[in-house]
Amino acid sequence: RAYERAMLTKGVTYEIRVSELSHWFVNEALNIVGLFYFEEDAETQYFAIMRELRRKYGSKTNSAEVLLEKVLAGGATKKNDMAAVNSLWLELKHLLLRAVKTGQRQFLDNPDTINRIIRARCQWLAPKWAKRRLERHHAIETGTYEFDLNINDLIDQLDEQAEFATFLQTTRGKKKEESGDVASLSQDT
């Protein structure tokens, strides 16, 4: 919808609309934009692209699947890179809010979707996540829990990792300062 609102600006031609599409979509949706590259008339090209996008994704250009593809394209994070983990956390929070607002939450809670996110962005989390899922399955069998882990659990896990990374960076920084102070004192004597 943001794209469509932006394109309502007075003076925006079909050439500009088509050109802007490549900045608003990624992966499969971007490939759909490219399908009509050789169409010479910009208006025809624009309407063909929009028709195909709507056919494939419905009238929502912000479907959870399209937004998930953007998240997956973000590249792998390192487990002790606080900024990267926080960035992924924020991307997933945004994705969750959009999915809830558009009635697509169930898609994100699917274990396959969560596994795709882990494999693409935080492979280091896979062993811990597998252990948590196994524990949850045992809890479901014993009646302690009713539901499997979901996207909120993944978001919480990333938040915990970001806190740990912050603590680790702070602790390492203090040790360097302390060792630096000791070294400078021993040089002075």
N, C-alpha and C. Protein backbone atom coordinates (compact mmCIF):
# COMPACT_ATOMS: atom_id res chain seq x y z
N ARG A 1 0.81 -1.19 0.00
CA ARG A 1 0.00 0.00 0.00
C ARG A 1 0.85 1.26 0.00
N ALA A 2 1.98 1.20 0.68
CA ALA A 2 2.86 2.37 0.72
C ALA A 2 3.34 2.71 -0.68
N TYR A 3 3.67 1.66 -1.46
CA TYR A 3 4.10 1.88 -2.84
C TYR A 3 2.98 2.57 -3.63
N GLU A 4 1.78 2.04 -3.51
CA GLU A 4 0.66 2.60 -4.27
C GLU A 4 0.38 4.03 -3.86
N ARG A 5 0.48 4.33 -2.55
CA ARG A 5 0.29 5.72 -2.09
C ARG A 5 1.38 6.62 -2.65
N ALA A 6 2.62 6.15 -2.63
CA ALA A 6 3.73 6.96 -3.14
C ALA A 6 3.56 7.27 -4.62
N MET A 7 3.00 6.33 -5.35
CA MET A 7 2.86 6.51 -6.79
C MET A 7 1.68 7.42 -7.16
N LEU A 8 0.86 7.80 -6.19
CA LEU A 8 -0.25 8.71 -6.45
C LEU A 8 0.20 10.16 -6.51
N THR A 9 1.45 10.41 -6.22
CA THR A 9 2.01 11.76 -6.26
C THR A 9 1.87 12.34 -7.66
N LYS A 10 1.45 13.58 -7.72
CA LYS A 10 1.26 14.25 -9.01
C LYS A 10 2.57 14.27 -9.79
N GLY A 11 2.50 13.93 -11.07
CA GLY A 11 3.66 13.96 -11.93
C GLY A 11 4.42 12.65 -12.03
N VAL A 12 4.02 11.62 -11.28
CA VAL A 12 4.70 10.33 -11.36
C VAL A 12 4.20 9.61 -12.61
N THR A 13 5.10 9.40 -13.53
CA THR A 13 4.75 8.75 -14.80
C THR A 13 4.79 7.23 -14.64
N TYR A 14 4.30 6.53 -15.66
CA TYR A 14 4.36 5.07 -15.63
C TYR A 14 5.81 4.58 -15.71
N GLU A 15 6.67 5.33 -16.38
CA GLU A 15 8.09 4.98 -16.42
C GLU A 15 8.68 4.99 -15.01
N ILE A 16 8.33 6.02 -14.23
CA ILE A 16 8.82 6.12 -12.86
C ILE A 16 8.24 4.99 -12.02
N ARG A 17 6.95 4.72 -12.17
CA ARG A 17 6.29 3.65 -11.41
C ARG A 17 6.99 2.30 -11.65
N VAL A 18 7.27 2.01 -12.90
CA VAL A 18 7.94 0.74 -13.24
C VAL A 18 9.34 0.73 -12.65
N SER A 19 10.04 1.82 -12.78
CA SER A 19 11.40 1.91 -12.26
C SER A 19 11.42 1.74 -10.74
N GLU A 20 10.47 2.31 -10.05
CA GLU A 20 10.40 2.23 -8.59
C GLU A 20 10.10 0.82 -8.09
N LEU A 21 9.41 0.02 -8.88
CA LEU A 21 9.04 -1.33 -8.45
C LEU A 21 10.24 -2.15 -7.99
N SER A 22 11.37 -1.99 -8.66
CA SER A 22 12.55 -2.79 -8.31
C SER A 22 13.11 -2.41 -6.94
N HIS A 23 12.71 -1.27 -6.39
CA HIS A 23 13.16 -0.86 -5.07
C HIS A 23 12.22 -1.31 -3.96
N TRP A 24 11.05 -1.80 -4.34
CA TRP A 24 10.04 -2.17 -3.35
C TRP A 24 9.88 -3.67 -3.17
N PHE A 25 10.45 -4.46 -4.07
CA PHE A 25 10.26 -5.91 -4.02
C PHE A 25 11.60 -6.62 -4.05
N VAL A 26 11.60 -7.87 -3.54
CA VAL A 26 12.79 -8.71 -3.55
C VAL A 26 12.42 -10.11 -4.01
N ASN A 27 13.43 -10.89 -4.30
CA ASN A 27 13.32 -12.31 -4.63
C ASN A 27 12.26 -12.59 -5.70
N GLU A 28 11.33 -13.48 -5.41
CA GLU A 28 10.36 -13.91 -6.42
C GLU A 28 9.52 -12.74 -6.94
N ALA A 29 9.08 -11.87 -6.05
CA ALA A 29 8.28 -10.72 -6.50
C ALA A 29 9.09 -9.82 -7.43
N LEU A 30 10.37 -9.64 -7.13
CA LEU A 30 11.23 -8.84 -8.01
C LEU A 30 11.39 -9.53 -9.37
N ASN A 31 11.47 -10.86 -9.35
CA ASN A 31 11.56 -11.60 -10.62
C ASN A 31 10.30 -11.41 -11.46
N ILE A 32 9.15 -11.27 -10.81
CA ILE A 32 7.91 -11.00 -11.54
C ILE A 32 8.00 -9.63 -12.22
N VAL A 33 8.56 -8.66 -11.53
CA VAL A 33 8.76 -7.33 -12.12
C VAL A 33 9.62 -7.47 -13.38
N GLY A 34 10.64 -8.31 -13.30
CA GLY A 34 11.55 -8.50 -14.43
C GLY A 34 10.94 -9.23 -15.61
N LEU A 35 9.85 -9.95 -15.38
CA LEU A 35 9.20 -10.68 -16.48
C LEU A 35 8.79 -9.76 -17.63
N PHE A 36 8.48 -8.55 -17.29
CA PHE A 36 7.92 -7.63 -18.29
C PHE A 36 8.93 -6.56 -18.72
N TYR A 37 10.18 -6.86 -18.56
CA TYR A 37 11.27 -5.93 -18.88
C TYR A 37 11.22 -5.47 -20.34
N PHE A 38 10.89 -6.36 -21.24
CA PHE A 38 10.96 -6.04 -22.67
C PHE A 38 9.71 -5.37 -23.22
N GLU A 39 8.71 -5.17 -22.39
CA GLU A 39 7.51 -4.44 -22.82
C GLU A 39 7.91 -2.99 -23.06
N GLU A 40 7.64 -2.48 -24.25
CA GLU A 40 8.10 -1.13 -24.61
C GLU A 40 7.23 -0.03 -24.04
N ASP A 41 5.94 -0.26 -23.93
CA ASP A 41 5.03 0.76 -23.42
C ASP A 41 4.99 0.68 -21.90
N ALA A 42 5.40 1.76 -21.23
CA ALA A 42 5.51 1.75 -19.77
C ALA A 42 4.17 1.53 -19.08
N GLU A 43 3.10 2.08 -19.62
CA GLU A 43 1.79 1.89 -19.01
C GLU A 43 1.36 0.43 -19.10
N THR A 44 1.53 -0.17 -20.26
CA THR A 44 1.20 -1.60 -20.44
C THR A 44 2.06 -2.45 -19.52
N GLN A 45 3.34 -2.11 -19.46
CA GLN A 45 4.27 -2.84 -18.60
C GLN A 45 3.85 -2.76 -17.14
N TYR A 46 3.51 -1.56 -16.69
CA TYR A 46 3.12 -1.36 -15.30
C TYR A 46 1.88 -2.20 -14.95
N PHE A 47 0.86 -2.13 -15.77
CA PHE A 47 -0.38 -2.85 -15.46
C PHE A 47 -0.19 -4.36 -15.57
N ALA A 48 0.68 -4.81 -16.45
CA ALA A 48 0.97 -6.25 -16.55
C ALA A 48 1.69 -6.74 -15.29
N ILE A 49 2.64 -5.96 -14.81
CA ILE A 49 3.36 -6.31 -13.58
C ILE A 49 2.40 -6.35 -12.40
N MET A 50 1.60 -5.31 -12.25
CA MET A 50 0.68 -5.24 -11.12
C MET A 50 -0.35 -6.36 -11.17
N ARG A 51 -0.82 -6.69 -12.35
CA ARG A 51 -1.79 -7.79 -12.51
C ARG A 51 -1.15 -9.11 -12.07
N GLU A 52 0.08 -9.33 -12.48
CA GLU A 52 0.77 -10.58 -12.13
C GLU A 52 1.08 -10.64 -10.62
N LEU A 53 1.49 -9.52 -10.04
CA LEU A 53 1.75 -9.48 -8.60
C LEU A 53 0.46 -9.75 -7.81
N ARG A 54 -0.63 -9.16 -8.24
CA ARG A 54 -1.90 -9.40 -7.55
C ARG A 54 -2.38 -10.84 -7.73
N ARG A 55 -2.15 -11.40 -8.92
CA ARG A 55 -2.53 -12.78 -9.15
C ARG A 55 -1.74 -13.71 -8.23
N LYS A 56 -0.46 -13.44 -8.10
CA LYS A 56 0.42 -14.31 -7.31
C LYS A 56 0.27 -14.08 -5.81
N TYR A 57 0.17 -12.82 -5.39
CA TYR A 57 0.20 -12.51 -3.97
C TYR A 57 -1.10 -11.89 -3.45
N GLY A 58 -2.10 -11.77 -4.28
CA GLY A 58 -3.32 -11.11 -3.85
C GLY A 58 -3.13 -9.61 -3.92
N SER A 59 -4.09 -8.90 -3.39
CA SER A 59 -3.99 -7.44 -3.47
C SER A 59 -3.04 -6.88 -2.43
N LYS A 60 -2.52 -7.72 -1.57
CA LYS A 60 -1.60 -7.25 -0.53
C LYS A 60 -0.17 -7.34 -1.03
N THR A 61 0.47 -6.21 -1.15
CA THR A 61 1.88 -6.23 -1.53
C THR A 61 2.75 -6.46 -0.30
N ASN A 62 2.11 -6.53 0.87
CA ASN A 62 2.85 -6.75 2.10
C ASN A 62 2.48 -8.09 2.73
N SER A 63 2.24 -9.10 1.89
CA SER A 63 1.89 -10.41 2.42
C SER A 63 3.05 -10.93 3.27
N ALA A 64 2.74 -11.79 4.22
CA ALA A 64 3.76 -12.33 5.11
C ALA A 64 4.86 -13.04 4.32
N GLU A 65 4.48 -13.72 3.25
CA GLU A 65 5.48 -14.44 2.47
C GLU A 65 6.47 -13.48 1.80
N VAL A 66 5.96 -12.38 1.26
CA VAL A 66 6.84 -11.39 0.63
C VAL A 66 7.75 -10.76 1.69
N LEU A 67 7.20 -10.41 2.84
CA LEU A 67 8.00 -9.82 3.90
C LEU A 67 9.02 -10.82 4.45
N LEU A 68 8.62 -12.09 4.54
CA LEU A 68 9.55 -13.12 4.99
C LEU A 68 10.73 -13.22 4.03
N GLU A 69 10.48 -13.15 2.74
CA GLU A 69 11.57 -13.21 1.76
C GLU A 69 12.57 -12.09 1.98
N LYS A 70 12.08 -10.91 2.36
CA LYS A 70 12.99 -9.80 2.66
C LYS A 70 13.85 -10.12 3.88
N VAL A 71 13.24 -10.72 4.89
CA VAL A 71 13.98 -11.09 6.09
C VAL A 71 15.03 -12.15 5.75
N LEU A 72 14.63 -13.15 4.98
CA LEU A 72 15.56 -14.23 4.63
C LEU A 72 16.73 -13.73 3.79
N ALA A 73 16.50 -12.69 3.00
CA ALA A 73 17.55 -12.15 2.13
C ALA A 73 18.57 -11.31 2.90
N GLY A 74 18.32 -11.09 4.18
CA GLY A 74 19.17 -10.20 4.98
C GLY A 74 20.56 -10.71 5.29
N GLY A 75 20.84 -11.97 5.06
CA GLY A 75 22.17 -12.50 5.33
C GLY A 75 22.30 -13.03 6.75
N ALA A 76 23.29 -13.86 6.94
CA ALA A 76 23.50 -14.53 8.23
C ALA A 76 24.00 -13.54 9.28
N THR A 77 23.59 -13.79 10.52
CA THR A 77 24.07 -13.00 11.65
C THR A 77 25.05 -13.85 12.45
N LYS A 78 25.97 -13.19 13.10
CA LYS A 78 26.88 -13.89 14.01
C LYS A 78 26.30 -13.79 15.42
N LYS A 79 26.45 -14.84 16.17
CA LYS A 79 25.76 -14.93 17.45
C LYS A 79 26.21 -13.89 18.46
N ASN A 80 27.42 -13.40 18.38
CA ASN A 80 27.87 -12.40 19.34
C ASN A 80 27.92 -10.98 18.75
N ASP A 81 27.32 -10.81 17.59
CA ASP A 81 27.24 -9.49 16.96
C ASP A 81 25.92 -8.84 17.41
N MET A 82 26.02 -8.07 18.47
CA MET A 82 24.84 -7.49 19.09
C MET A 82 24.00 -6.69 18.10
N ALA A 83 24.63 -5.89 17.27
CA ALA A 83 23.89 -5.05 16.33
C ALA A 83 23.13 -5.92 15.32
N ALA A 84 23.77 -6.96 14.82
CA ALA A 84 23.13 -7.84 13.84
C ALA A 84 21.97 -8.62 14.45
N VAL A 85 22.17 -9.12 15.67
CA VAL A 85 21.10 -9.87 16.34
C VAL A 85 19.93 -8.93 16.65
N ASN A 86 20.23 -7.73 17.10
CA ASN A 86 19.16 -6.74 17.35
C ASN A 86 18.43 -6.38 16.07
N SER A 87 19.16 -6.25 14.99
CA SER A 87 18.54 -5.94 13.71
C SER A 87 17.59 -7.05 13.27
N LEU A 88 18.03 -8.30 13.40
CA LEU A 88 17.17 -9.43 13.06
C LEU A 88 15.95 -9.46 13.97
N TRP A 89 16.15 -9.22 15.24
CA TRP A 89 15.04 -9.17 16.20
C TRP A 89 14.00 -8.15 15.75
N LEU A 90 14.47 -6.97 15.37
CA LEU A 90 13.57 -5.90 14.92
C LEU A 90 12.85 -6.28 13.63
N GLU A 91 13.56 -6.89 12.68
CA GLU A 91 12.94 -7.34 11.44
C GLU A 91 11.82 -8.34 11.71
N LEU A 92 12.08 -9.27 12.64
CA LEU A 92 11.06 -10.28 12.95
C LEU A 92 9.88 -9.69 13.70
N LYS A 93 10.13 -8.73 14.58
CA LYS A 93 9.03 -8.04 15.27
C LYS A 93 8.15 -7.33 14.24
N HIS A 94 8.78 -6.66 13.30
CA HIS A 94 8.05 -5.96 12.24
C HIS A 94 7.24 -6.96 11.40
N LEU A 95 7.88 -8.05 11.04
CA LEU A 95 7.21 -9.09 10.26
C LEU A 95 6.01 -9.64 11.02
N LEU A 96 6.17 -9.90 12.31
CA LEU A 96 5.08 -10.42 13.12
C LEU A 96 3.92 -9.43 13.19
N LEU A 97 4.22 -8.17 13.41
CA LEU A 97 3.15 -7.16 13.47
C LEU A 97 2.37 -7.09 12.17
N ARG A 98 3.10 -7.13 11.04
CA ARG A 98 2.42 -7.11 9.73
C ARG A 98 1.57 -8.36 9.54
N ALA A 99 2.11 -9.51 9.94
CA ALA A 99 1.38 -10.77 9.77
C ALA A 99 0.11 -10.78 10.60
N VAL A 100 0.18 -10.27 11.81
CA VAL A 100 -1.01 -10.20 12.67
C VAL A 100 -2.03 -9.26 12.06
N LYS A 101 -1.56 -8.11 11.60
CA LYS A 101 -2.46 -7.10 11.04
C LYS A 101 -3.16 -7.59 9.77
N THR A 102 -2.46 -8.42 9.00
CA THR A 102 -3.04 -8.91 7.74
C THR A 102 -3.63 -10.32 7.87
N GLY A 103 -3.73 -10.83 9.11
CA GLY A 103 -4.35 -12.13 9.33
C GLY A 103 -3.51 -13.31 8.87
N GLN A 104 -2.17 -13.16 8.88
CA GLN A 104 -1.28 -14.21 8.37
C GLN A 104 -0.36 -14.76 9.45
N ARG A 105 -0.73 -14.59 10.70
CA ARG A 105 0.10 -15.03 11.83
C ARG A 105 0.41 -16.53 11.75
N GLN A 106 -0.56 -17.32 11.37
CA GLN A 106 -0.40 -18.78 11.34
C GLN A 106 0.77 -19.19 10.43
N PHE A 107 0.96 -18.46 9.34
CA PHE A 107 2.06 -18.73 8.42
C PHE A 107 3.40 -18.61 9.15
N LEU A 108 3.56 -17.60 10.00
CA LEU A 108 4.82 -17.39 10.72
C LEU A 108 5.04 -18.39 11.84
N ASP A 109 3.97 -18.88 12.44
CA ASP A 109 4.10 -19.83 13.54
C ASP A 109 4.40 -21.24 13.06
N ASN A 110 4.34 -21.46 11.77
CA ASN A 110 4.61 -22.77 11.20
C ASN A 110 6.08 -23.14 11.46
N PRO A 111 6.35 -24.34 12.01
CA PRO A 111 7.74 -24.74 12.29
C PRO A 111 8.65 -24.68 11.05
N ASP A 112 8.12 -24.96 9.87
CA ASP A 112 8.94 -24.88 8.66
C ASP A 112 9.38 -23.44 8.38
N THR A 113 8.48 -22.49 8.60
CA THR A 113 8.84 -21.07 8.40
C THR A 113 9.92 -20.66 9.38
N ILE A 114 9.76 -21.05 10.64
CA ILE A 114 10.76 -20.70 11.66
C ILE A 114 12.10 -21.35 11.32
N ASN A 115 12.07 -22.59 10.87
CA ASN A 115 13.32 -23.27 10.48
C ASN A 115 13.99 -22.57 9.31
N ARG A 116 13.21 -22.07 8.36
CA ARG A 116 13.79 -21.31 7.23
C ARG A 116 14.52 -20.08 7.74
N ILE A 117 13.91 -19.39 8.69
CA ILE A 117 14.54 -18.19 9.25
C ILE A 117 15.85 -18.56 9.95
N ILE A 118 15.80 -19.60 10.75
CA ILE A 118 17.01 -20.02 11.48
C ILE A 118 18.11 -20.42 10.51
N ARG A 119 17.77 -21.21 9.50
CA ARG A 119 18.80 -21.65 8.54
C ARG A 119 19.40 -20.48 7.77
N ALA A 120 18.58 -19.50 7.42
CA ALA A 120 19.06 -18.39 6.59
C ALA A 120 19.78 -17.31 7.40
N ARG A 121 19.32 -17.04 8.62
CA ARG A 121 19.81 -15.87 9.32
C ARG A 121 20.58 -16.14 10.61
N CYS A 122 20.28 -17.27 11.28
CA CYS A 122 20.94 -17.51 12.57
C CYS A 122 21.16 -19.00 12.78
N GLN A 123 21.97 -19.58 11.90
CA GLN A 123 22.28 -21.01 11.94
C GLN A 123 22.83 -21.43 13.31
N TRP A 124 23.54 -20.55 13.97
CA TRP A 124 24.12 -20.82 15.28
C TRP A 124 23.05 -21.13 16.33
N LEU A 125 21.81 -20.74 16.08
CA LEU A 125 20.73 -20.96 17.03
C LEU A 125 20.09 -22.35 16.87
N ALA A 126 20.37 -23.04 15.77
CA ALA A 126 19.71 -24.31 15.46
C ALA A 126 19.82 -25.36 16.58
N PRO A 127 21.00 -25.63 17.14
CA PRO A 127 21.07 -26.66 18.21
C PRO A 127 20.22 -26.29 19.44
N LYS A 128 20.30 -25.04 19.85
CA LYS A 128 19.53 -24.60 21.02
C LYS A 128 18.02 -24.65 20.73
N TRP A 129 17.64 -24.25 19.52
CA TRP A 129 16.23 -24.26 19.12
C TRP A 129 15.71 -25.71 19.06
N ALA A 130 16.50 -26.60 18.51
CA ALA A 130 16.09 -28.02 18.43
C ALA A 130 15.88 -28.58 19.84
N LYS A 131 16.78 -28.24 20.76
CA LYS A 131 16.65 -28.70 22.14
C LYS A 131 15.37 -28.15 22.77
N ARG A 132 15.10 -26.88 22.56
CA ARG A 132 13.88 -26.26 23.11
C ARG A 132 12.62 -26.91 22.53
N ARG A 133 12.66 -27.20 21.23
CA ARG A 133 11.48 -27.85 20.61
C ARG A 133 11.27 -29.24 21.16
N LEU A 134 12.36 -29.98 21.36
CA LEU A 134 12.26 -31.32 21.93
C LEU A 134 11.67 -31.24 23.35
N GLU A 135 12.17 -30.31 24.15
CA GLU A 135 11.64 -30.12 25.49
C GLU A 135 10.16 -29.76 25.45
N ARG A 136 9.78 -28.90 24.51
CA ARG A 136 8.38 -28.50 24.38
C ARG A 136 7.51 -29.68 23.97
N HIS A 137 8.01 -30.52 23.07
CA HIS A 137 7.24 -31.69 22.65
C HIS A 137 7.01 -32.65 23.82
N HIS A 138 8.03 -32.81 24.65
CA HIS A 138 7.87 -33.64 25.86
C HIS A 138 6.82 -33.02 26.78
N ALA A 139 6.86 -31.69 26.91
CA ALA A 139 5.89 -31.00 27.76
C ALA A 139 4.48 -31.12 27.20
N ILE A 140 4.34 -31.09 25.88
CA ILE A 140 3.02 -31.27 25.26
C ILE A 140 2.50 -32.68 25.54
N GLU A 141 3.38 -33.66 25.42
CA GLU A 141 2.99 -35.05 25.69
C GLU A 141 2.54 -35.26 27.13
N THR A 142 3.16 -34.54 28.06
CA THR A 142 2.80 -34.70 29.48
C THR A 142 1.67 -33.77 29.90
N GLY A 143 1.24 -32.92 28.98
CA GLY A 143 0.12 -32.03 29.29
C GLY A 143 0.51 -30.70 29.91
N THR A 144 1.80 -30.44 30.04
CA THR A 144 2.27 -29.18 30.62
C THR A 144 2.03 -28.01 29.67
N TYR A 145 2.21 -28.25 28.38
CA TYR A 145 1.97 -27.24 27.35
C TYR A 145 1.01 -27.79 26.32
N GLU A 146 0.30 -26.85 25.65
CA GLU A 146 -0.61 -27.25 24.60
C GLU A 146 -0.05 -27.02 23.22
N PHE A 147 0.85 -26.04 23.08
CA PHE A 147 1.29 -25.60 21.76
C PHE A 147 2.80 -25.71 21.59
N ASP A 148 3.20 -25.89 20.32
CA ASP A 148 4.61 -25.92 19.95
C ASP A 148 5.19 -24.50 20.05
N LEU A 149 6.49 -24.40 19.96
CA LEU A 149 7.14 -23.09 19.92
C LEU A 149 6.64 -22.31 18.70
N ASN A 150 6.62 -21.00 18.81
CA ASN A 150 6.16 -20.18 17.70
C ASN A 150 7.12 -19.03 17.43
N ILE A 151 6.72 -18.13 16.57
CA ILE A 151 7.59 -17.01 16.16
C ILE A 151 7.94 -16.12 17.35
N ASN A 152 7.02 -15.96 18.30
CA ASN A 152 7.33 -15.17 19.50
C ASN A 152 8.47 -15.80 20.30
N ASP A 153 8.49 -17.12 20.36
CA ASP A 153 9.57 -17.80 21.07
C ASP A 153 10.92 -17.56 20.39
N LEU A 154 10.92 -17.54 19.06
CA LEU A 154 12.15 -17.24 18.33
C LEU A 154 12.60 -15.81 18.59
N ILE A 155 11.66 -14.89 18.56
CA ILE A 155 11.97 -13.49 18.83
C ILE A 155 12.53 -13.33 20.24
N ASP A 156 11.92 -13.99 21.21
CA ASP A 156 12.42 -13.95 22.59
C ASP A 156 13.83 -14.53 22.69
N GLN A 157 14.07 -15.61 21.96
CA GLN A 157 15.40 -16.25 21.98
C GLN A 157 16.46 -15.29 21.43
N LEU A 158 16.11 -14.57 20.37
CA LEU A 158 17.04 -13.58 19.81
C LEU A 158 17.28 -12.43 20.78
N ASP A 159 16.23 -12.03 21.49
CA ASP A 159 16.37 -10.97 22.48
C ASP A 159 17.33 -11.40 23.59
N GLU A 160 17.19 -12.65 24.04
CA GLU A 160 18.12 -13.19 25.05
C GLU A 160 19.55 -13.21 24.53
N GLN A 161 19.72 -13.58 23.27
CA GLN A 161 21.06 -13.62 22.68
C GLN A 161 21.66 -12.23 22.59
N ALA A 162 20.84 -11.24 22.24
CA ALA A 162 21.32 -9.86 22.16
C ALA A 162 21.77 -9.38 23.54
N GLU A 163 21.00 -9.72 24.57
CA GLU A 163 21.39 -9.36 25.94
C GLU A 163 22.70 -10.03 26.31
N PHE A 164 22.84 -11.30 25.95
CA PHE A 164 24.07 -12.02 26.24
C PHE A 164 25.26 -11.39 25.50
N ALA A 165 25.05 -11.05 24.22
CA ALA A 165 26.12 -10.43 23.43
C ALA A 165 26.53 -9.10 24.04
N THR A 166 25.55 -8.33 24.51
CA THR A 166 25.85 -7.06 25.16
C THR A 166 26.68 -7.29 26.42
N PHE A 167 26.25 -8.25 27.23
CA PHE A 167 26.98 -8.58 28.45
C PHE A 167 28.41 -9.02 28.12
N LEU A 168 28.54 -9.87 27.11
CA LEU A 168 29.85 -10.37 26.71
C LEU A 168 30.75 -9.24 26.23
N GLN A 169 30.22 -8.34 25.41
CA GLN A 169 31.03 -7.22 24.92
C GLN A 169 31.43 -6.30 26.07
N THR A 170 30.53 -6.07 27.00
CA THR A 170 30.82 -5.22 28.15
C THR A 170 31.89 -5.85 29.02
N THR A 171 31.74 -7.14 29.28
CA THR A 171 32.71 -7.86 30.11
C THR A 171 34.08 -7.88 29.45
N ARG A 172 34.13 -8.18 28.18
CA ARG A 172 35.41 -8.19 27.47
C ARG A 172 36.05 -6.82 27.45
N GLY A 173 35.23 -5.79 27.29
CA GLY A 173 35.74 -4.42 27.28
C GLY A 173 36.35 -4.05 28.60
N LYS A 174 35.70 -4.46 29.70
CA LYS A 174 36.24 -4.15 31.03
C LYS A 174 37.54 -4.89 31.27
N LYS A 175 37.63 -6.13 30.82
CA LYS A 175 38.87 -6.89 31.02
C LYS A 175 40.02 -6.23 30.26
N LYS A 176 39.75 -5.73 29.06
CA LYS A 176 40.79 -5.07 28.28
C LYS A 176 41.25 -3.80 28.99
N GLU A 177 40.27 -3.03 29.51
CA GLU A 177 40.62 -1.80 30.22
C GLU A 177 41.46 -2.12 31.46
N GLU A 178 41.03 -3.15 32.21
CA GLU A 178 41.76 -3.52 33.42
C GLU A 178 43.17 -3.98 33.08
N SER A 179 43.30 -4.82 32.05
CA SER A 179 44.63 -5.30 31.69
C SER A 179 45.48 -4.15 31.15
N GLY A 180 44.86 -3.20 30.47
CA GLY A 180 45.58 -2.04 30.00
C GLY A 180 46.10 -1.19 31.14
N ASP A 181 45.26 -1.03 32.16
CA ASP A 181 45.68 -0.26 33.34
C ASP A 181 46.85 -0.92 34.04
N VAL A 182 46.78 -2.24 34.19
CA VAL A 182 47.87 -2.98 34.83
C VAL A 182 49.14 -2.85 34.03
N ALA A 183 49.03 -2.97 32.74
CA ALA A 183 50.23 -2.87 31.87
C ALA A 183 50.84 -1.49 31.96
N SER A 184 49.99 -0.47 31.99
CA SER A 184 50.56 0.88 32.05
C SER A 184 51.19 1.14 33.41
N LEU A 185 50.61 0.55 34.47
CA LEU A 185 51.21 0.72 35.79
C LEU A 185 52.56 0.03 35.87
N SER A 186 52.67 -1.16 35.31
CA SER A 186 53.93 -1.87 35.39
C SER A 186 54.99 -1.19 34.54
N GLN A 187 54.61 -0.50 33.48
CA GLN A 187 55.58 0.23 32.66
C GLN A 187 56.10 1.46 33.38
N ASP A 188 55.22 2.07 34.21
CA ASP A 188 55.61 3.29 34.92
C ASP A 188 56.61 3.01 36.04
N THR A 189 56.59 1.80 36.59
CA THR A 189 57.45 1.52 37.74
C THR A 189 58.82 1.09 37.34
